[in-house]
N, C-alpha and C. Protein backbone atom coordinates (compact mmCIF):
# COMPACT_ATOMS: atom_id res chain seq x y z
N MET A 1 -3.45 -13.50 28.63
CA MET A 1 -2.95 -12.82 27.33
C MET A 1 -2.72 -11.50 27.33
N PRO A 2 -1.54 -10.91 26.75
CA PRO A 2 -1.32 -9.45 26.95
C PRO A 2 -2.38 -8.79 25.81
N VAL A 3 -2.50 -7.48 26.05
CA VAL A 3 -3.33 -6.53 25.34
C VAL A 3 -2.39 -6.27 24.00
N SER A 4 -3.09 -6.38 22.91
CA SER A 4 -2.45 -6.14 21.65
C SER A 4 -2.96 -4.75 21.02
N GLN A 5 -2.24 -4.13 20.38
CA GLN A 5 -2.53 -2.77 19.80
C GLN A 5 -2.04 -2.44 18.58
N PHE A 6 -2.53 -1.76 17.58
CA PHE A 6 -1.90 -1.28 16.41
C PHE A 6 -2.50 0.16 16.13
N THR A 7 -1.74 1.00 15.40
CA THR A 7 -2.28 2.33 15.18
C THR A 7 -2.89 2.45 13.79
N LEU A 8 -4.03 2.98 13.56
CA LEU A 8 -4.54 3.22 12.32
C LEU A 8 -4.53 4.68 12.11
N GLN A 9 -3.98 5.17 11.05
CA GLN A 9 -3.73 6.65 10.63
C GLN A 9 -4.99 7.01 9.83
N GLY A 10 -5.66 8.09 10.23
CA GLY A 10 -6.87 8.55 9.49
C GLY A 10 -6.95 8.55 7.99
N HIS A 11 -5.75 9.04 7.51
CA HIS A 11 -5.74 9.20 6.01
C HIS A 11 -5.95 7.83 5.28
N SER A 12 -5.73 6.59 5.99
CA SER A 12 -5.95 5.29 5.35
C SER A 12 -7.50 4.93 5.32
N THR A 13 -8.35 5.80 5.90
CA THR A 13 -9.75 5.54 5.79
C THR A 13 -10.45 6.37 4.79
N ARG A 14 -9.63 7.21 3.98
CA ARG A 14 -10.29 7.95 2.88
C ARG A 14 -10.48 7.21 1.68
N ARG A 15 -11.58 7.49 1.05
CA ARG A 15 -12.02 6.74 -0.32
C ARG A 15 -11.14 7.27 -1.41
N GLU A 16 -10.07 6.77 -1.73
CA GLU A 16 -9.10 7.30 -2.76
C GLU A 16 -8.55 6.29 -3.51
N PHE A 17 -8.25 6.60 -4.79
CA PHE A 17 -7.45 5.63 -5.72
C PHE A 17 -5.98 5.48 -5.24
N ALA A 18 -5.53 4.41 -4.91
CA ALA A 18 -4.13 4.34 -4.44
C ALA A 18 -3.52 3.14 -5.00
N VAL A 19 -2.17 3.23 -5.02
CA VAL A 19 -1.25 2.10 -5.32
C VAL A 19 -0.43 1.91 -4.03
N TYR A 20 -0.34 0.55 -3.66
CA TYR A 20 0.31 0.39 -2.42
C TYR A 20 1.34 -0.74 -2.62
N VAL A 21 2.36 -0.87 -1.75
CA VAL A 21 3.34 -1.87 -1.66
C VAL A 21 3.23 -2.29 -0.22
N VAL A 22 3.12 -3.82 -0.13
CA VAL A 22 3.27 -4.39 1.12
C VAL A 22 4.53 -5.10 1.29
N VAL A 23 5.29 -4.77 2.39
CA VAL A 23 6.50 -5.49 2.75
C VAL A 23 6.08 -6.43 3.89
N ALA A 24 6.16 -7.66 3.67
CA ALA A 24 6.03 -8.68 4.64
C ALA A 24 7.29 -9.24 5.00
N LYS A 25 7.68 -9.06 6.32
CA LYS A 25 9.02 -9.64 6.74
C LYS A 25 8.73 -10.70 7.86
N GLN A 26 9.32 -11.76 7.61
CA GLN A 26 9.16 -12.86 8.69
C GLN A 26 9.91 -12.45 9.95
N ARG A 27 9.20 -12.69 11.11
CA ARG A 27 9.78 -12.18 12.37
C ARG A 27 11.06 -12.99 12.63
N GLU A 28 10.97 -14.31 12.50
CA GLU A 28 12.10 -15.23 12.69
C GLU A 28 12.82 -15.45 11.59
N GLY A 29 13.83 -14.78 11.21
CA GLY A 29 14.69 -15.10 10.03
C GLY A 29 14.72 -13.77 9.18
N SER A 30 15.23 -14.01 7.93
CA SER A 30 15.46 -12.91 6.95
C SER A 30 14.56 -12.95 5.75
N ASP A 31 13.43 -13.81 5.79
CA ASP A 31 12.58 -13.87 4.63
C ASP A 31 11.77 -12.75 4.51
N TYR A 32 11.61 -12.16 3.37
CA TYR A 32 10.61 -11.01 3.09
C TYR A 32 10.04 -11.19 1.82
N HIS A 33 8.87 -10.58 1.69
CA HIS A 33 8.16 -10.58 0.41
C HIS A 33 7.49 -9.27 0.28
N ILE A 34 7.36 -9.06 -1.13
CA ILE A 34 6.74 -7.77 -1.64
C ILE A 34 5.46 -8.08 -2.43
N TYR A 35 4.42 -7.33 -2.12
CA TYR A 35 3.19 -7.36 -2.86
C TYR A 35 2.78 -5.96 -3.46
N ILE A 36 2.44 -5.83 -4.71
CA ILE A 36 1.93 -4.56 -5.19
C ILE A 36 0.48 -4.63 -5.42
N GLY A 37 -0.29 -3.63 -5.03
CA GLY A 37 -1.75 -3.67 -5.41
C GLY A 37 -2.25 -2.22 -5.53
N LYS A 38 -3.57 -2.10 -5.65
CA LYS A 38 -4.27 -0.89 -5.70
C LYS A 38 -5.64 -0.97 -5.28
N THR A 39 -6.12 0.32 -4.90
CA THR A 39 -7.59 0.36 -4.53
C THR A 39 -8.39 1.08 -5.76
N GLY A 40 -9.69 0.74 -5.60
CA GLY A 40 -10.44 1.34 -6.76
C GLY A 40 -10.38 0.71 -8.07
N ASP A 41 -9.97 -0.45 -8.31
CA ASP A 41 -9.78 -0.88 -9.67
C ASP A 41 -11.08 -1.53 -10.24
N ASN A 42 -11.98 -1.72 -9.39
CA ASN A 42 -13.29 -2.33 -9.98
C ASN A 42 -14.10 -1.10 -10.47
N ARG A 43 -15.24 -1.44 -11.26
CA ARG A 43 -15.95 -0.40 -11.89
C ARG A 43 -16.92 0.41 -11.15
N GLU A 44 -17.13 -0.15 -9.87
CA GLU A 44 -18.31 0.58 -9.08
C GLU A 44 -17.58 1.29 -7.78
N GLY A 45 -16.60 0.68 -7.22
CA GLY A 45 -16.30 1.04 -5.87
C GLY A 45 -14.87 1.45 -5.80
N CYS A 46 -14.50 1.87 -4.59
CA CYS A 46 -13.12 2.23 -4.22
C CYS A 46 -13.13 2.27 -2.67
N ASN A 47 -12.62 1.09 -2.20
CA ASN A 47 -12.54 1.00 -0.85
C ASN A 47 -11.40 1.78 -0.19
N PRO A 48 -11.46 2.19 1.13
CA PRO A 48 -10.21 2.91 1.57
C PRO A 48 -9.15 1.88 1.83
N MET A 49 -7.91 2.43 1.83
CA MET A 49 -6.72 1.75 1.89
C MET A 49 -6.76 0.76 3.11
N ILE A 50 -7.25 1.05 4.24
CA ILE A 50 -7.30 0.15 5.57
C ILE A 50 -8.18 -0.99 5.14
N SER A 51 -9.38 -0.84 4.35
CA SER A 51 -10.25 -1.80 4.09
C SER A 51 -9.50 -2.81 3.25
N ARG A 52 -8.78 -2.39 2.24
CA ARG A 52 -8.06 -3.26 1.25
C ARG A 52 -7.02 -3.95 2.06
N ALA A 53 -6.27 -3.30 2.90
CA ALA A 53 -5.33 -3.93 3.74
C ALA A 53 -5.91 -5.17 4.53
N GLY A 54 -7.02 -4.86 5.20
CA GLY A 54 -7.73 -6.00 5.96
C GLY A 54 -8.25 -7.09 5.18
N ASN A 55 -8.71 -6.90 3.96
CA ASN A 55 -9.07 -7.98 2.93
C ASN A 55 -7.92 -9.00 2.69
N HIS A 56 -6.67 -8.45 2.60
CA HIS A 56 -5.66 -9.21 2.34
C HIS A 56 -5.51 -10.55 3.25
N PHE A 57 -6.00 -10.32 4.44
CA PHE A 57 -5.82 -11.44 5.48
C PHE A 57 -7.17 -12.05 5.66
N SER A 58 -8.24 -11.84 4.82
CA SER A 58 -9.43 -12.55 4.91
C SER A 58 -9.28 -14.02 4.63
N TYR A 59 -10.43 -14.78 5.15
CA TYR A 59 -10.34 -16.24 4.80
C TYR A 59 -11.16 -16.48 3.53
N ASN A 60 -11.59 -15.38 2.88
CA ASN A 60 -12.22 -15.42 1.53
C ASN A 60 -11.04 -15.43 0.47
N ASP A 61 -10.85 -16.56 -0.22
CA ASP A 61 -9.75 -16.59 -1.19
C ASP A 61 -9.79 -15.56 -2.33
N ILE A 62 -10.95 -15.07 -2.45
CA ILE A 62 -11.05 -14.14 -3.59
C ILE A 62 -10.43 -12.70 -3.29
N HIS A 63 -10.38 -12.47 -2.04
CA HIS A 63 -9.84 -11.10 -1.50
C HIS A 63 -8.58 -11.21 -0.82
N SER A 64 -8.08 -12.33 -0.49
CA SER A 64 -6.96 -12.51 0.40
C SER A 64 -5.64 -12.80 -0.38
N GLN A 65 -5.28 -12.14 -1.21
CA GLN A 65 -4.13 -12.45 -2.20
C GLN A 65 -2.75 -12.56 -1.40
N ILE A 66 -2.61 -11.72 -0.40
CA ILE A 66 -1.39 -11.88 0.45
C ILE A 66 -1.35 -13.27 1.21
N ARG A 67 -2.47 -13.52 1.84
CA ARG A 67 -2.70 -14.78 2.67
C ARG A 67 -2.54 -15.99 1.66
N ASN A 68 -3.00 -15.75 0.46
CA ASN A 68 -2.93 -16.91 -0.60
C ASN A 68 -1.65 -17.15 -1.11
N LYS A 69 -0.75 -16.08 -1.14
CA LYS A 69 0.50 -16.14 -1.87
C LYS A 69 1.76 -16.39 -0.90
N LEU A 70 1.68 -16.16 0.37
CA LEU A 70 2.77 -16.11 1.36
C LEU A 70 3.22 -17.70 1.33
N PRO A 71 4.35 -18.05 1.49
CA PRO A 71 4.91 -19.39 1.67
C PRO A 71 4.59 -19.96 3.18
N CYS A 72 4.40 -19.08 4.17
CA CYS A 72 4.28 -19.37 5.56
C CYS A 72 2.90 -18.81 5.93
N SER A 73 2.55 -19.17 7.12
CA SER A 73 1.36 -18.59 7.72
C SER A 73 1.37 -16.96 7.99
N PRO A 74 0.33 -16.29 7.61
CA PRO A 74 0.48 -14.83 7.77
C PRO A 74 0.88 -14.33 9.18
N PRO A 75 0.62 -15.04 10.23
CA PRO A 75 1.08 -14.45 11.52
C PRO A 75 2.54 -14.54 11.94
N GLU A 76 3.29 -15.30 10.95
CA GLU A 76 4.63 -15.35 11.10
C GLU A 76 5.29 -14.12 10.49
N TYR A 77 4.49 -13.23 9.95
CA TYR A 77 5.30 -11.94 9.29
C TYR A 77 4.64 -10.76 10.07
N ASP A 78 5.51 -9.71 9.87
CA ASP A 78 5.06 -8.42 10.31
C ASP A 78 4.88 -7.51 8.84
N TYR A 79 3.91 -6.67 8.78
CA TYR A 79 3.69 -6.08 7.51
C TYR A 79 3.77 -4.61 7.46
N GLU A 80 4.23 -3.93 6.54
CA GLU A 80 4.27 -2.57 6.32
C GLU A 80 3.64 -2.17 5.11
N TYR A 81 2.73 -1.18 5.17
CA TYR A 81 2.09 -0.78 3.95
C TYR A 81 2.62 0.51 3.61
N LEU A 82 3.03 0.72 2.39
CA LEU A 82 3.45 2.04 1.90
C LEU A 82 2.73 2.40 0.52
N TYR A 83 2.16 3.51 0.48
CA TYR A 83 1.23 3.73 -0.65
C TYR A 83 1.21 5.36 -0.86
N ILE A 84 0.71 5.45 -2.21
CA ILE A 84 0.50 6.77 -2.74
C ILE A 84 -0.98 6.83 -3.33
N THR A 85 -1.60 8.00 -3.21
CA THR A 85 -2.93 8.25 -3.80
C THR A 85 -2.73 9.08 -4.88
N PHE A 86 -3.75 8.81 -5.89
CA PHE A 86 -3.79 9.59 -7.04
C PHE A 86 -5.00 10.41 -7.24
N ASP A 87 -6.06 10.06 -6.53
CA ASP A 87 -7.31 10.84 -6.82
C ASP A 87 -8.36 10.42 -5.80
N ARG A 88 -9.24 11.30 -5.41
CA ARG A 88 -10.35 10.95 -4.54
C ARG A 88 -11.36 10.30 -5.36
N TYR A 89 -12.13 9.44 -4.87
CA TYR A 89 -13.24 8.67 -5.47
C TYR A 89 -14.33 9.74 -6.05
N SER A 90 -14.76 9.51 -7.21
CA SER A 90 -15.73 10.49 -7.93
C SER A 90 -16.94 9.64 -8.03
N GLU A 91 -18.14 10.40 -7.87
CA GLU A 91 -19.45 9.81 -8.02
C GLU A 91 -19.86 9.83 -9.54
N ASP A 92 -19.02 10.59 -10.35
CA ASP A 92 -19.37 10.69 -11.69
C ASP A 92 -18.74 9.45 -12.44
N LYS A 93 -19.50 8.68 -13.19
CA LYS A 93 -19.06 7.44 -13.69
C LYS A 93 -18.03 7.77 -14.76
N GLN A 94 -18.02 8.61 -15.62
CA GLN A 94 -17.07 8.86 -16.69
C GLN A 94 -15.75 9.33 -15.95
N GLU A 95 -15.92 10.21 -15.05
CA GLU A 95 -14.61 10.59 -14.19
C GLU A 95 -13.99 9.56 -13.61
N ARG A 96 -14.83 8.59 -12.93
CA ARG A 96 -14.33 7.45 -12.29
C ARG A 96 -13.58 6.48 -13.28
N LEU A 97 -14.27 6.29 -14.41
CA LEU A 97 -13.54 5.24 -15.42
C LEU A 97 -12.06 5.78 -15.89
N ALA A 98 -12.02 7.12 -15.81
CA ALA A 98 -10.69 7.68 -16.08
C ALA A 98 -9.71 7.44 -15.00
N GLN A 99 -10.24 7.58 -13.71
CA GLN A 99 -9.45 7.42 -12.57
C GLN A 99 -9.00 5.88 -12.37
N ILE A 100 -9.76 4.98 -12.83
CA ILE A 100 -9.53 3.66 -12.78
C ILE A 100 -8.37 3.28 -13.88
N ASP A 101 -8.42 3.88 -14.96
CA ASP A 101 -7.43 3.79 -15.87
C ASP A 101 -5.94 4.22 -15.30
N VAL A 102 -6.09 5.39 -14.77
CA VAL A 102 -4.90 5.86 -14.08
C VAL A 102 -4.43 5.00 -13.05
N VAL A 103 -5.28 4.56 -12.11
CA VAL A 103 -4.69 3.62 -10.98
C VAL A 103 -4.19 2.26 -11.55
N ASN A 104 -4.80 1.77 -12.59
CA ASN A 104 -4.33 0.58 -13.31
C ASN A 104 -2.91 0.80 -13.89
N GLU A 105 -2.83 1.89 -14.56
CA GLU A 105 -1.45 2.13 -15.15
C GLU A 105 -0.37 2.45 -14.16
N MET A 106 -0.77 3.14 -13.08
CA MET A 106 0.23 3.39 -12.02
C MET A 106 0.66 2.19 -11.38
N GLU A 107 -0.27 1.34 -11.13
CA GLU A 107 0.04 -0.18 -10.42
C GLU A 107 1.01 -0.88 -11.26
N ARG A 108 0.88 -0.87 -12.69
CA ARG A 108 1.92 -1.36 -13.58
C ARG A 108 3.22 -0.73 -13.56
N ALA A 109 3.23 0.56 -13.37
CA ALA A 109 4.55 1.32 -13.29
C ALA A 109 5.22 0.91 -12.03
N VAL A 110 4.57 0.87 -10.82
CA VAL A 110 5.09 0.67 -9.65
C VAL A 110 5.65 -0.78 -9.69
N ASN A 111 4.94 -1.66 -10.14
CA ASN A 111 5.30 -3.15 -10.16
C ASN A 111 6.65 -3.32 -11.08
N VAL A 112 6.76 -2.67 -12.24
CA VAL A 112 7.92 -2.79 -13.07
C VAL A 112 9.02 -2.03 -12.35
N ALA A 113 8.73 -0.88 -11.75
CA ALA A 113 9.86 -0.32 -11.02
C ALA A 113 10.39 -1.00 -9.81
N ILE A 114 9.59 -1.57 -9.12
CA ILE A 114 9.99 -2.45 -8.08
C ILE A 114 10.90 -3.71 -8.33
N GLN A 115 10.41 -4.21 -9.49
CA GLN A 115 11.14 -5.31 -10.08
C GLN A 115 12.66 -4.82 -10.59
N GLY A 116 12.65 -3.61 -11.04
CA GLY A 116 14.07 -3.01 -11.33
C GLY A 116 14.83 -2.64 -10.10
N ALA A 117 14.21 -2.25 -9.11
CA ALA A 117 14.83 -1.82 -7.87
C ALA A 117 15.25 -2.98 -7.02
N PHE A 118 14.89 -4.15 -7.19
CA PHE A 118 15.29 -5.24 -6.40
C PHE A 118 15.75 -6.31 -7.48
N PRO A 119 16.82 -6.03 -8.23
CA PRO A 119 17.35 -7.08 -9.11
C PRO A 119 17.86 -8.42 -8.57
N GLU A 120 18.38 -8.22 -7.19
CA GLU A 120 19.00 -9.28 -6.49
C GLU A 120 17.95 -10.00 -5.58
N ALA A 121 16.73 -9.74 -5.67
CA ALA A 121 15.71 -10.32 -4.83
C ALA A 121 15.56 -11.72 -5.04
N PRO A 122 15.47 -12.42 -3.97
CA PRO A 122 15.41 -14.02 -4.15
C PRO A 122 14.14 -14.43 -4.78
N GLU A 123 14.18 -15.55 -5.50
CA GLU A 123 13.01 -16.14 -6.18
C GLU A 123 11.83 -16.18 -5.28
N GLY A 124 10.70 -15.63 -5.75
CA GLY A 124 9.56 -15.66 -4.98
C GLY A 124 9.22 -14.53 -4.01
N CYS A 125 10.35 -13.62 -4.02
CA CYS A 125 10.24 -12.40 -3.17
C CYS A 125 9.00 -11.57 -3.59
N LEU A 126 8.92 -11.21 -4.81
CA LEU A 126 7.86 -10.44 -5.28
C LEU A 126 6.60 -11.45 -5.47
N LEU A 127 5.60 -11.20 -4.83
CA LEU A 127 4.45 -12.17 -4.79
C LEU A 127 3.62 -12.19 -6.17
N ASN A 128 3.62 -10.95 -6.75
CA ASN A 128 2.79 -10.66 -7.97
C ASN A 128 3.46 -9.94 -9.01
N PRO A 129 4.58 -10.43 -9.54
CA PRO A 129 5.30 -9.63 -10.61
C PRO A 129 4.41 -9.38 -11.85
N PHE A 130 4.52 -8.20 -12.20
CA PHE A 130 3.84 -7.99 -13.64
C PHE A 130 4.77 -8.51 -14.65
N LYS A 131 4.04 -9.25 -15.56
CA LYS A 131 4.86 -9.94 -16.62
C LYS A 131 4.69 -9.36 -18.02
N GLY A 132 3.67 -8.49 -18.18
CA GLY A 132 3.48 -7.91 -19.41
C GLY A 132 3.45 -8.74 -20.61
N LYS A 133 2.91 -9.97 -20.44
CA LYS A 133 2.72 -10.93 -21.50
C LYS A 133 1.52 -10.74 -22.64
N GLY A 134 0.63 -10.04 -22.11
CA GLY A 134 -0.58 -10.05 -23.03
C GLY A 134 -0.38 -8.96 -24.18
N HIS A 135 -0.95 -9.28 -25.25
CA HIS A 135 -0.85 -8.30 -26.29
C HIS A 135 -1.61 -6.99 -26.10
N VAL A 136 -0.94 -5.92 -26.29
CA VAL A 136 -1.49 -4.65 -26.26
C VAL A 136 -1.43 -3.85 -27.49
N LYS A 137 -2.46 -3.35 -28.15
CA LYS A 137 -2.46 -2.55 -29.34
C LYS A 137 -1.59 -1.41 -29.28
N ALA A 138 -1.06 -0.96 -30.21
CA ALA A 138 -0.18 0.22 -30.36
C ALA A 138 -0.93 1.51 -29.87
N SER A 139 -2.21 1.62 -30.29
CA SER A 139 -2.97 2.72 -29.98
C SER A 139 -3.20 2.64 -28.36
N GLU A 140 -3.24 1.60 -27.65
CA GLU A 140 -3.42 1.47 -26.21
C GLU A 140 -2.18 1.80 -25.50
N LYS A 141 -1.00 1.30 -25.99
CA LYS A 141 0.23 1.57 -25.45
C LYS A 141 0.43 3.11 -25.49
N ILE A 142 0.00 3.80 -26.42
CA ILE A 142 0.16 5.36 -26.51
C ILE A 142 -0.70 5.95 -25.56
N ARG A 143 -1.99 5.42 -25.47
CA ARG A 143 -2.89 5.98 -24.40
C ARG A 143 -2.46 5.77 -23.08
N ARG A 144 -1.87 4.67 -22.74
CA ARG A 144 -1.43 4.36 -21.32
C ARG A 144 -0.20 5.18 -21.15
N ALA A 145 0.67 5.47 -22.04
CA ALA A 145 1.91 6.28 -21.86
C ALA A 145 1.53 7.72 -21.66
N GLY A 146 0.36 8.10 -22.14
CA GLY A 146 -0.07 9.41 -21.73
C GLY A 146 -0.64 9.62 -20.43
N LEU A 147 -0.87 8.51 -19.70
CA LEU A 147 -1.36 8.55 -18.28
C LEU A 147 -0.09 8.70 -17.38
N ARG A 148 1.10 8.48 -17.86
CA ARG A 148 2.28 8.47 -17.03
C ARG A 148 2.86 9.97 -17.16
N THR A 149 2.22 10.73 -16.54
CA THR A 149 2.57 12.16 -16.45
C THR A 149 3.81 12.36 -15.45
N ALA A 150 4.54 13.47 -15.64
CA ALA A 150 5.70 13.65 -14.85
C ALA A 150 5.37 13.69 -13.31
N GLY A 151 4.22 14.27 -12.98
CA GLY A 151 3.79 14.33 -11.66
C GLY A 151 3.44 12.83 -10.95
N ARG A 152 2.75 12.17 -11.88
CA ARG A 152 2.40 10.83 -11.46
C ARG A 152 3.54 9.96 -11.39
N MET A 153 4.46 10.06 -12.24
CA MET A 153 5.78 9.19 -12.11
C MET A 153 6.63 9.55 -11.03
N ALA A 154 6.58 10.93 -10.74
CA ALA A 154 7.38 11.37 -9.41
C ALA A 154 6.88 10.64 -8.26
N ASN A 155 5.55 10.54 -8.24
CA ASN A 155 4.90 9.76 -6.95
C ASN A 155 5.33 8.24 -6.98
N VAL A 156 5.36 7.80 -8.30
CA VAL A 156 5.75 6.32 -8.38
C VAL A 156 7.32 6.17 -7.74
N ASP A 157 8.09 7.12 -8.39
CA ASP A 157 9.54 7.07 -7.91
C ASP A 157 9.64 7.14 -6.47
N ALA A 158 8.80 8.03 -5.82
CA ALA A 158 8.80 8.42 -4.38
C ALA A 158 8.44 7.07 -3.59
N LEU A 159 7.29 6.39 -4.08
CA LEU A 159 6.98 5.18 -3.48
C LEU A 159 7.98 4.05 -3.55
N VAL A 160 8.56 3.91 -4.72
CA VAL A 160 9.63 2.97 -4.94
C VAL A 160 10.84 3.12 -3.89
N ALA A 161 11.20 4.39 -3.92
CA ALA A 161 12.41 4.82 -2.93
C ALA A 161 12.03 4.64 -1.56
N ALA A 162 10.74 4.91 -1.08
CA ALA A 162 10.44 4.50 0.21
C ALA A 162 10.45 3.06 0.48
N VAL A 163 10.02 2.35 -0.45
CA VAL A 163 10.11 0.85 -0.36
C VAL A 163 11.51 0.53 -0.07
N LEU A 164 12.33 0.85 -0.99
CA LEU A 164 13.79 0.54 -0.98
C LEU A 164 14.40 0.86 0.45
N GLN A 165 14.04 2.09 0.87
CA GLN A 165 14.56 2.53 2.11
C GLN A 165 14.04 1.67 3.35
N HIS A 166 12.80 1.32 3.29
CA HIS A 166 12.22 0.46 4.22
C HIS A 166 12.94 -0.92 4.34
N VAL A 167 13.15 -1.51 3.16
CA VAL A 167 13.74 -2.83 3.31
C VAL A 167 15.21 -2.68 3.76
N LYS A 168 15.84 -1.63 3.33
CA LYS A 168 17.13 -1.40 3.75
C LYS A 168 17.15 -1.33 5.31
N THR A 169 16.23 -0.60 5.86
CA THR A 169 16.19 -0.34 7.26
C THR A 169 15.88 -1.66 7.94
N LEU A 170 15.01 -2.45 7.39
CA LEU A 170 14.58 -3.73 8.02
C LEU A 170 15.95 -4.64 8.23
N PHE A 171 16.71 -4.59 7.26
CA PHE A 171 17.90 -5.39 7.44
C PHE A 171 19.09 -4.83 8.17
N ALA A 172 19.11 -3.44 8.32
CA ALA A 172 20.07 -2.86 8.95
C ALA A 172 19.91 -3.20 10.46
N SER A 173 18.67 -3.25 10.98
CA SER A 173 18.42 -3.45 12.26
C SER A 173 18.29 -4.93 12.71
N SER A 174 18.51 -5.84 11.76
CA SER A 174 18.53 -7.20 11.98
C SER A 174 19.96 -7.61 12.54
């Protein structure tokens, strides 16, 4: 059996609040899927990006959203993770709660932007589309809008542009 290898970049081990996009491309064929997620959304922890990436392929159904959602077996795909970080983890509980609010809102922003950027995507391409169906009070909408600062939204735009470029490159080389 040949030796296998993958590279792990050091920045993916930092404890930071991040929004990520996974592009899963089937090796045999042109099938691809996109998943949008975040790190640090629970009330106490914030795992590094690489930890969250690994959990997606766990055999624990609670953690393995990508494994659970793909139509084919995970080994049939290659994966690219693209992500942006918004803040380092804070030990201060009040600061951390504010960081969680930001990462949750930025994940929603990325999800909606990805849906807009891929209008011709085949049914099921986006594994977890944000539907925005729940009722949100007007005051909460205003508070959330305040989290979408110009700098944060520039990062969202950069991530979406990188995903578009990555997908375009995948199919240019096919």
